[in-house]
């Protein structure tokens, strides 16, 4: 799942940069600490009811507390003479601007977690998974075997990530076009299907392509696996798809570093993806790659220490810490919803499966809650009106406006508690 867009504007306004700028989040100031010594986005114990709580952005700022604790281990110093060249590894014909350190760190991380197979594949780094999604569309739709006069159809099963339609149609490409819900696709034409698991927004784990199952015709696939990590869901298998997307933002929470990567089996497809990134941004920041590699190194080292001598506590292990935080928030939310007559929580119950990473049966704790309003036609408007909570409306996800998506890790603890309090005591906001 690709990078979260910050605006909730109508699709007709996606070219209006003034609207995008107006919806950019303000930067939190960390001059003071709370939350057990960790920084939080709001230093007051409670928020005034007149303030707006933003739960639509997709940032994972709740994970700041863990990385604050690990700050000394994750510090990276960049010297003035470093990263003078556009290239990082000219011998890597698949992706010449990817640093060897990041390549090795990604392989080590996937080997640790067991969520994706990197053997006999090529890694491509991008400025977040959003750029890689664009690169994948270009690479898959520029085959000589496809008609040069007919754009390839791009589909995903609804509810699907809200960014797919806008990101597909933004450049008005003659190579591809958005064609809606994969379940309703019935054209005898070439297509690309996006398979996203765990799914954004509802957290469901659906690993099988819909179009292929329904019609038996062959298409090209993009597997968006940015949430396939053990703090969100049990790791039930090692993914071995032809083209898989991951991102640092959804794995560790570092959205601002803008690092994503693709695992690609076909070298020609990897080269085409690299070419688009080359023409679009002439590569990816070396500083960001170095930081990402260091963060992955610290994460993996903590588990290696645990397995070698058992010296690490759960609070020092990233996936355990993050999973516990999600578990606590989900339990609180479910309790509040059970006593609330205005909403239904569609991913209310966890899915349980055996997790190969944890070596035990484990539950799902999705990154997002998928709400449905009982009383109002538009759940997003209802939340804003009743609670001053900004959620992302269901119609952005190819679903009904009765639904809305809430980010479970998008706020510090005080803001999340305030959200629960408002949910428990809904009243008209003047």
Protein backbone atom coordinates (compact mmCIF):
# COMPACT_ATOMS: atom_id res chain seq x y z
CA UNK A 1 0.00 0.00 0.00
CA UNK A 2 1.43 2.53 -1.28
CA UNK A 3 2.06 5.98 0.26
CA UNK A 4 -0.96 7.62 1.85
CA UNK A 5 -2.07 10.84 0.19
CA UNK A 6 -2.67 13.65 2.66
CA UNK A 7 -5.61 15.30 1.03
CA UNK A 8 -9.21 14.09 0.99
CA UNK A 9 -10.23 16.17 -2.01
CA UNK A 10 -12.47 15.16 -4.85
CA UNK A 11 -10.67 13.51 -7.76
CA UNK A 12 -11.39 16.52 -9.97
CA UNK A 13 -9.05 18.55 -7.77
CA UNK A 14 -6.03 16.25 -7.84
CA UNK A 15 -4.11 18.69 -10.06
CA UNK A 16 -4.67 21.64 -7.71
CA UNK A 17 -1.41 21.98 -5.76
CA UNK A 18 -2.84 24.71 -3.53
CA UNK A 19 -5.35 22.19 -2.17
CA UNK A 20 -2.59 19.67 -1.55
CA UNK A 21 -0.48 22.25 0.27
CA UNK A 22 -3.39 23.28 2.44
CA UNK A 23 -3.81 19.71 3.62
CA UNK A 24 -0.20 19.02 4.51
CA UNK A 25 0.19 18.18 8.22
CA UNK A 26 1.83 20.64 10.57
CA UNK A 27 5.13 19.50 12.02
CA UNK A 28 5.02 18.45 15.69
CA UNK A 29 7.44 20.19 18.02
CA UNK A 30 9.32 17.89 20.37
CA UNK A 31 10.76 20.48 22.73
CA UNK A 32 9.00 18.76 25.61
CA UNK A 33 8.64 15.09 26.43
CA UNK A 34 5.87 13.05 27.94
CA UNK A 35 4.56 9.52 27.29
CA UNK A 36 7.10 7.98 29.68
CA UNK A 37 9.92 10.15 28.45
CA UNK A 38 9.16 9.72 24.77
CA UNK A 39 8.08 12.55 22.47
CA UNK A 40 4.43 12.89 21.59
CA UNK A 41 2.66 15.08 19.07
CA UNK A 42 0.73 16.89 21.79
CA UNK A 43 2.18 17.60 25.22
CA UNK A 44 -1.13 18.24 26.97
CA UNK A 45 -2.80 15.40 28.84
CA UNK A 46 -5.99 16.06 26.90
CA UNK A 47 -7.01 17.89 23.75
CA UNK A 48 -9.68 20.59 23.63
CA UNK A 49 -12.86 19.31 22.03
CA UNK A 50 -12.65 22.10 19.47
CA UNK A 51 -9.42 20.62 18.06
CA UNK A 52 -9.49 18.27 15.09
CA UNK A 53 -8.01 14.78 15.28
CA UNK A 54 -6.59 13.64 11.94
CA UNK A 55 -6.90 9.89 11.46
CA UNK A 56 -6.75 9.81 7.66
CA UNK A 57 -3.10 10.44 6.78
CA UNK A 58 -1.48 7.03 7.04
CA UNK A 59 1.51 8.20 9.10
CA UNK A 60 2.67 5.72 11.76
CA UNK A 61 3.70 8.36 14.30
CA UNK A 62 2.64 6.12 17.22
CA UNK A 63 5.88 4.21 16.61
CA UNK A 64 7.98 7.29 17.45
CA UNK A 65 8.21 6.14 21.06
CA UNK A 66 10.08 2.97 20.13
CA UNK A 67 12.57 4.70 17.87
CA UNK A 68 13.10 7.45 20.43
CA UNK A 69 14.27 4.76 22.81
CA UNK A 70 16.59 3.36 20.11
CA UNK A 71 17.82 6.80 18.98
CA UNK A 72 21.51 6.30 19.83
CA UNK A 73 21.73 3.00 17.98
CA UNK A 74 20.04 4.42 14.88
CA UNK A 75 22.07 7.60 14.55
CA UNK A 76 23.73 8.01 11.15
CA UNK A 77 26.46 10.57 10.41
CA UNK A 78 26.84 11.67 6.79
CA UNK A 79 30.15 13.29 5.85
CA UNK A 80 30.31 16.22 3.46
CA UNK A 81 32.13 14.33 0.73
CA UNK A 82 29.74 11.39 0.61
CA UNK A 83 26.99 10.82 -1.99
CA UNK A 84 28.50 13.13 -4.60
CA UNK A 85 27.45 10.86 -7.48
CA UNK A 86 23.99 10.07 -8.83
CA UNK A 87 24.96 6.40 -8.81
CA UNK A 88 25.59 4.11 -5.86
CA UNK A 89 26.48 0.83 -7.58
CA UNK A 90 27.21 1.10 -11.29
CA UNK A 91 27.77 -2.66 -11.48
CA UNK A 92 24.12 -3.26 -10.58
CA UNK A 93 22.43 -3.12 -13.98
CA UNK A 94 18.98 -3.73 -12.46
CA UNK A 95 19.12 -0.64 -10.19
CA UNK A 96 22.33 1.40 -10.36
CA UNK A 97 21.26 3.99 -7.75
CA UNK A 98 20.55 1.45 -4.99
CA UNK A 99 23.25 1.32 -2.32
CA UNK A 100 24.73 -2.13 -1.61
CA UNK A 101 24.11 -1.50 2.11
CA UNK A 102 20.37 -1.07 1.61
CA UNK A 103 20.18 -4.06 -0.74
CA UNK A 104 21.86 -6.28 1.87
CA UNK A 105 19.74 -4.86 4.71
CA UNK A 106 16.50 -5.56 2.81
CA UNK A 107 17.54 -9.14 2.10
CA UNK A 108 18.49 -9.65 5.73
CA UNK A 109 15.18 -8.21 6.96
CA UNK A 110 13.08 -10.45 4.71
CA UNK A 111 15.20 -13.47 5.69
CA UNK A 112 14.55 -12.68 9.37
CA UNK A 113 10.79 -12.21 9.00
CA UNK A 114 10.23 -14.83 6.31
CA UNK A 115 7.56 -12.77 4.52
CA UNK A 116 9.14 -12.58 1.06
CA UNK A 117 11.62 -14.55 -1.02
CA UNK A 118 14.43 -12.40 -2.43
CA UNK A 119 16.40 -15.26 -4.01
CA UNK A 120 16.70 -15.18 -7.80
CA UNK A 121 15.02 -11.76 -7.83
CA UNK A 122 16.10 -8.17 -8.44
CA UNK A 123 15.64 -5.32 -5.97
CA UNK A 124 14.59 -1.85 -7.11
CA UNK A 125 14.56 1.06 -4.66
CA UNK A 126 12.15 3.96 -5.07
CA UNK A 127 11.02 7.16 -3.41
CA UNK A 128 8.37 5.30 -1.45
CA UNK A 129 6.11 2.56 -2.77
CA UNK A 130 4.07 5.19 -4.62
CA UNK A 131 6.85 5.87 -7.11
CA UNK A 132 7.45 2.14 -7.44
CA UNK A 133 3.77 1.60 -8.20
CA UNK A 134 4.04 4.11 -11.04
CA UNK A 135 7.21 2.39 -12.22
CA UNK A 136 5.50 -1.01 -12.13
CA UNK A 137 2.56 0.25 -14.19
CA UNK A 138 4.97 1.65 -16.77
CA UNK A 139 7.07 -1.52 -16.90
CA UNK A 140 4.12 -3.90 -17.20
CA UNK A 141 2.20 -1.83 -19.75
CA UNK A 142 5.08 -1.02 -22.12
CA UNK A 143 5.45 -4.54 -23.51
CA UNK A 144 5.74 -4.71 -27.33
CA UNK A 145 3.07 -7.45 -27.31
CA UNK A 146 0.43 -4.99 -26.12
CA UNK A 147 -1.57 -2.78 -28.45
CA UNK A 148 0.02 0.69 -28.69
CA UNK A 149 -3.43 2.23 -29.21
CA UNK A 150 -5.31 0.69 -26.25
CA UNK A 151 -4.33 1.52 -22.65
CA UNK A 152 -4.11 -1.56 -20.42
CA UNK A 153 -6.83 -1.75 -17.76
CA UNK A 154 -5.76 -1.46 -14.10
CA UNK A 155 -8.09 -3.00 -11.51
CA UNK A 156 -8.22 -3.93 -7.82
CA UNK A 157 -10.90 -5.64 -5.74
CA UNK A 158 -12.95 -3.16 -3.69
CA UNK A 159 -12.57 -1.94 -1.08
CA UNK A 160 -9.13 -1.07 -2.42
CA UNK A 161 -6.48 1.45 -1.42
CA UNK A 162 -7.73 4.96 -2.15
CA UNK A 163 -4.54 5.96 -3.95
CA UNK A 164 -4.75 3.41 -6.75
CA UNK A 165 -7.23 5.30 -8.99
CA UNK A 166 -5.56 8.70 -8.61
CA UNK A 167 -2.04 7.34 -9.00
CA UNK A 168 -3.06 5.41 -12.12
CA UNK A 169 -4.85 8.31 -13.85
CA UNK A 170 -2.75 11.22 -12.56
CA UNK A 171 -0.42 11.40 -15.57
CA UNK A 172 -3.22 10.54 -18.04
CA UNK A 173 -0.98 7.93 -19.62
CA UNK A 174 -1.75 6.35 -22.98
CA UNK A 175 -0.26 3.11 -21.65
CA UNK A 176 -2.71 2.35 -18.82
CA UNK A 177 -5.96 3.51 -17.24
CA UNK A 178 -7.95 2.84 -14.09
CA UNK A 179 -10.85 0.44 -14.72
CA UNK A 180 -12.33 0.00 -11.26
CA UNK A 181 -13.32 -3.02 -9.17
CA UNK A 182 -11.62 -6.26 -10.21
CA UNK A 183 -14.74 -8.21 -9.26
CA UNK A 184 -16.71 -6.39 -11.94
CA UNK A 185 -14.08 -6.57 -14.67
CA UNK A 186 -15.54 -8.40 -17.68
CA UNK A 187 -13.57 -7.08 -20.64
CA UNK A 188 -11.73 -9.33 -23.04
CA UNK A 189 -8.73 -7.01 -22.88
CA UNK A 190 -5.31 -6.91 -21.27
CA UNK A 191 -5.29 -5.92 -17.61
CA UNK A 192 -3.13 -5.40 -14.55
CA UNK A 193 -4.63 -6.49 -11.23
CA UNK A 194 -3.33 -5.13 -7.93
CA UNK A 195 -3.45 -7.69 -5.12
CA UNK A 196 -3.05 -6.04 -1.72
CA UNK A 197 -2.68 -8.05 1.49
CA UNK A 198 -3.32 -7.38 4.28
CA UNK A 199 -5.77 -5.18 2.45
CA UNK A 200 -5.95 -1.43 2.93
CA UNK A 201 -8.54 -0.38 4.19
CA UNK A 202 -10.24 -3.41 5.80
CA UNK A 203 -7.25 -5.58 6.78
CA UNK A 204 -8.55 -8.68 5.03
CA UNK A 205 -5.99 -11.19 3.78
CA UNK A 206 -6.93 -12.07 0.22
CA UNK A 207 -3.96 -13.50 -1.62
CA UNK A 208 -5.72 -14.79 -4.75
CA UNK A 209 -6.29 -12.56 -7.80
CA UNK A 210 -10.00 -11.94 -8.38
CA UNK A 211 -10.05 -11.62 -12.16
CA UNK A 212 -8.02 -14.78 -12.70
CA UNK A 213 -10.33 -16.77 -10.44
CA UNK A 214 -13.50 -15.46 -12.00
CA UNK A 215 -12.72 -15.64 -15.71
CA UNK A 216 -9.67 -17.85 -16.04
CA UNK A 217 -7.95 -15.31 -18.27
CA UNK A 218 -4.33 -14.34 -17.86
CA UNK A 219 -3.31 -10.91 -16.62
CA UNK A 220 -0.35 -9.15 -15.09
CA UNK A 221 -0.15 -8.77 -11.32
CA UNK A 222 1.27 -6.26 -8.85
CA UNK A 223 1.36 -7.55 -5.28
CA UNK A 224 1.22 -4.64 -2.84
CA UNK A 225 2.55 -6.16 0.40
CA UNK A 226 3.48 -3.05 2.35
CA UNK A 227 1.47 -4.29 5.37
CA UNK A 228 2.65 -7.91 5.26
CA UNK A 229 4.71 -7.62 8.45
CA UNK A 230 4.30 -9.49 11.78
CA UNK A 231 3.00 -6.56 13.84
CA UNK A 232 -0.07 -6.40 11.56
CA UNK A 233 -0.71 -10.01 10.60
CA UNK A 234 0.58 -13.57 11.03
CA UNK A 235 3.31 -14.44 8.54
CA UNK A 236 1.76 -17.57 7.06
CA UNK A 237 3.96 -18.00 3.99
CA UNK A 238 6.98 -16.61 2.19
CA UNK A 239 5.63 -14.58 -0.72
CA UNK A 240 7.19 -15.46 -4.09
CA UNK A 241 5.23 -13.32 -6.53
CA UNK A 242 6.62 -11.86 -9.76
CA UNK A 243 6.45 -8.23 -8.59
CA UNK A 244 6.08 -7.27 -4.92
CA UNK A 245 6.05 -3.80 -3.33
CA UNK A 246 7.20 -2.93 0.20
CA UNK A 247 7.89 0.34 2.03
CA UNK A 248 9.86 1.53 5.03
CA UNK A 249 6.94 3.70 6.17
CA UNK A 250 4.58 0.78 6.78
CA UNK A 251 7.28 -1.54 8.12
CA UNK A 252 9.11 0.68 10.63
CA UNK A 253 7.01 3.87 10.49
CA UNK A 254 9.62 6.11 8.84
CA UNK A 255 7.38 7.72 6.23
CA UNK A 256 9.52 10.85 5.91
CA UNK A 257 12.55 8.94 4.63
CA UNK A 258 10.60 8.06 1.45
CA UNK A 259 12.07 4.61 0.92
CA UNK A 260 10.27 1.77 -0.80
CA UNK A 261 11.50 -1.28 -2.63
CA UNK A 262 10.26 -3.77 -5.19
CA UNK A 263 11.22 -7.43 -5.44
CA UNK A 264 11.06 -8.31 -9.14
CA UNK A 265 11.70 -11.69 -10.79
CA UNK A 266 12.04 -10.47 -14.38
CA UNK A 267 15.21 -8.44 -14.89
CA UNK A 268 13.78 -6.62 -17.91
CA UNK A 269 10.81 -5.46 -15.80
CA UNK A 270 13.20 -4.34 -13.05
CA UNK A 271 15.25 -2.36 -15.59
CA UNK A 272 12.14 -0.66 -16.96
CA UNK A 273 11.10 0.31 -13.44
CA UNK A 274 14.57 1.69 -12.82
CA UNK A 275 14.38 3.66 -16.06
CA UNK A 276 11.16 5.40 -15.01
CA UNK A 277 12.66 6.34 -11.63
CA UNK A 278 15.80 7.55 -13.41
CA UNK A 279 13.76 9.85 -15.66
CA UNK A 280 11.45 10.93 -12.85
CA UNK A 281 13.92 11.70 -10.05
CA UNK A 282 17.36 10.49 -11.24
CA UNK A 283 17.43 7.92 -8.48
CA UNK A 284 16.82 7.90 -4.74
CA UNK A 285 18.58 9.87 -2.00
CA UNK A 286 21.72 8.13 -0.79
CA UNK A 287 21.27 9.66 2.65
CA UNK A 288 17.77 8.18 2.96
CA UNK A 289 19.01 4.79 1.82
CA UNK A 290 21.80 4.85 4.40
CA UNK A 291 19.37 5.76 7.16
CA UNK A 292 16.94 3.04 6.11
CA UNK A 293 19.73 0.46 6.04
CA UNK A 294 20.81 1.46 9.55
CA UNK A 295 17.26 1.19 10.92
CA UNK A 296 16.87 -2.26 9.37
CA UNK A 297 20.26 -3.27 10.78
CA UNK A 298 19.28 -2.24 14.32
CA UNK A 299 15.96 -4.05 14.00
CA UNK A 300 17.61 -7.27 12.80
CA UNK A 301 20.46 -7.07 15.33
CA UNK A 302 17.98 -7.03 18.23
CA UNK A 303 16.46 -10.34 17.09
CA UNK A 304 19.88 -11.84 16.46
CA UNK A 305 20.86 -10.98 20.05
CA UNK A 306 17.66 -12.58 21.32
CA UNK A 307 18.29 -15.80 19.43
CA UNK A 308 21.95 -15.94 20.43
CA UNK A 309 21.74 -15.27 24.16
CA UNK A 310 18.12 -14.41 24.98
CA UNK A 311 19.19 -11.03 26.35
CA UNK A 312 16.52 -8.90 24.68
CA UNK A 313 13.20 -7.99 26.26
CA UNK A 314 9.99 -7.65 24.25
CA UNK A 315 10.15 -3.87 24.73
CA UNK A 316 13.44 -3.85 22.81
CA UNK A 317 12.11 -5.91 19.89
CA UNK A 318 10.39 -3.78 17.29
CA UNK A 319 7.71 -6.14 16.02
CA UNK A 320 6.73 -7.23 19.54
CA UNK A 321 6.57 -3.62 20.74
CA UNK A 322 4.51 -2.50 17.75
CA UNK A 323 2.20 -5.50 17.91
CA UNK A 324 1.54 -4.95 21.60
CA UNK A 325 0.70 -1.30 20.92
CA UNK A 326 -1.71 -2.26 18.14
CA UNK A 327 -3.27 -4.99 20.28
CA UNK A 328 -3.94 -2.56 23.13
CA UNK A 329 -5.49 0.00 20.79
CA UNK A 330 -7.69 -2.57 19.06
CA UNK A 331 -8.94 -3.94 22.37
CA UNK A 332 -9.85 -0.46 23.57
CA UNK A 333 -11.56 0.40 20.28
CA UNK A 334 -13.60 -2.81 20.23
CA UNK A 335 -14.78 -2.17 23.78
CA UNK A 336 -15.91 1.36 22.91
CA UNK A 337 -17.63 0.25 19.69
CA UNK A 338 -19.52 -2.50 21.52
CA UNK A 339 -21.22 0.20 23.60
CA UNK A 340 -21.74 2.62 20.72
CA UNK A 341 -24.95 2.55 18.71
CA UNK A 342 -23.79 4.73 15.83
CA UNK A 343 -21.08 2.55 14.27
CA UNK A 344 -20.31 -0.98 13.17
CA UNK A 345 -16.68 -2.09 13.08
CA UNK A 346 -16.34 -4.32 10.02
CA UNK A 347 -12.95 -5.72 10.99
CA UNK A 348 -14.10 -6.14 14.60
CA UNK A 349 -12.87 -9.69 15.04
CA UNK A 350 -9.27 -10.76 14.57
CA UNK A 351 -8.32 -13.48 12.13
CA UNK A 352 -6.12 -16.11 13.75
CA UNK A 353 -3.47 -18.15 11.96
CA UNK A 354 -0.12 -19.76 12.66
CA UNK A 355 2.70 -17.22 12.34
CA UNK A 356 5.97 -18.63 11.05
CA UNK A 357 7.87 -15.63 12.41
CA UNK A 358 6.58 -16.01 15.97
CA UNK A 359 6.30 -19.81 15.79
CA UNK A 360 2.85 -19.72 17.34
CA UNK A 361 -0.78 -19.02 16.55
CA UNK A 362 -1.31 -15.29 16.22
CA UNK A 363 -4.06 -12.75 15.54
CA UNK A 364 -4.36 -9.94 13.02
CA UNK A 365 -4.22 -6.34 14.20
CA UNK A 366 -4.77 -4.27 11.03
CA UNK A 367 -3.22 -0.85 10.55
CA UNK A 368 -6.69 0.60 9.90
CA UNK A 369 -10.17 0.27 11.35
CA UNK A 370 -12.99 0.04 8.79
CA UNK A 371 -16.09 1.76 10.19
CA UNK A 372 -19.67 1.80 8.95
CA UNK A 373 -22.16 4.41 10.14
CA UNK A 374 -25.65 3.12 10.93
CA UNK A 375 -27.42 6.47 10.80
CA UNK A 376 -25.74 8.64 8.19
CA UNK A 377 -25.09 8.32 4.46
CA UNK A 378 -21.52 9.63 4.67
CA UNK A 379 -19.50 8.23 7.58
CA UNK A 380 -16.58 10.63 7.06
CA UNK A 381 -18.84 13.69 7.24
CA UNK A 382 -20.63 12.24 10.26
CA UNK A 383 -17.37 11.76 12.19
CA UNK A 384 -16.21 15.26 11.36
CA UNK A 385 -19.57 16.76 12.33
CA UNK A 386 -20.07 14.80 15.55
CA UNK A 387 -16.51 14.32 16.81
CA UNK A 388 -14.18 16.60 14.84
CA UNK A 389 -12.37 13.49 13.64
CA UNK A 390 -11.07 13.44 10.07
CA UNK A 391 -11.49 9.97 8.59
CA UNK A 392 -11.17 8.88 4.97
CA UNK A 393 -14.56 8.27 3.37
CA UNK A 394 -15.42 4.86 1.94
CA UNK A 395 -16.11 6.20 -1.55
CA UNK A 396 -12.39 6.89 -1.86
CA UNK A 397 -11.84 3.13 -1.62
CA UNK A 398 -14.32 2.12 -4.31
CA UNK A 399 -16.85 1.37 -1.57
CA UNK A 400 -19.92 3.06 -0.08
CA UNK A 401 -19.72 6.44 1.67
CA UNK A 402 -21.36 4.78 4.68
CA UNK A 403 -17.87 3.44 5.40
CA UNK A 404 -14.80 5.31 6.66
CA UNK A 405 -11.21 4.36 7.43
CA UNK A 406 -9.45 5.20 10.70
CA UNK A 407 -5.67 4.98 11.13
CA UNK A 408 -4.80 2.92 14.22
CA UNK A 409 -1.19 4.17 14.41
CA UNK A 410 -1.63 7.69 13.05
CA UNK A 411 -1.61 9.52 16.38
CA UNK A 412 0.29 9.68 19.63
CA UNK A 413 -1.32 8.03 22.65
CA UNK A 414 -3.02 11.14 24.00
CA UNK A 415 -4.77 11.82 20.70
CA UNK A 416 -5.89 8.22 20.37
CA UNK A 417 -7.33 8.28 23.88
CA UNK A 418 -9.13 11.52 23.03
CA UNK A 419 -10.56 9.86 19.91
CA UNK A 420 -11.89 6.98 22.04
CA UNK A 421 -13.38 9.45 24.50
CA UNK A 422 -15.18 11.33 21.72
CA UNK A 423 -16.40 8.05 20.28
CA UNK A 424 -17.84 7.14 23.69
CA UNK A 425 -19.54 10.51 24.12
CA UNK A 426 -20.66 11.61 20.67
CA UNK A 427 -22.19 15.05 20.64
CA UNK A 428 -22.86 17.79 18.15
CA UNK A 429 -19.81 19.98 17.57
CA UNK A 430 -20.67 23.65 17.36
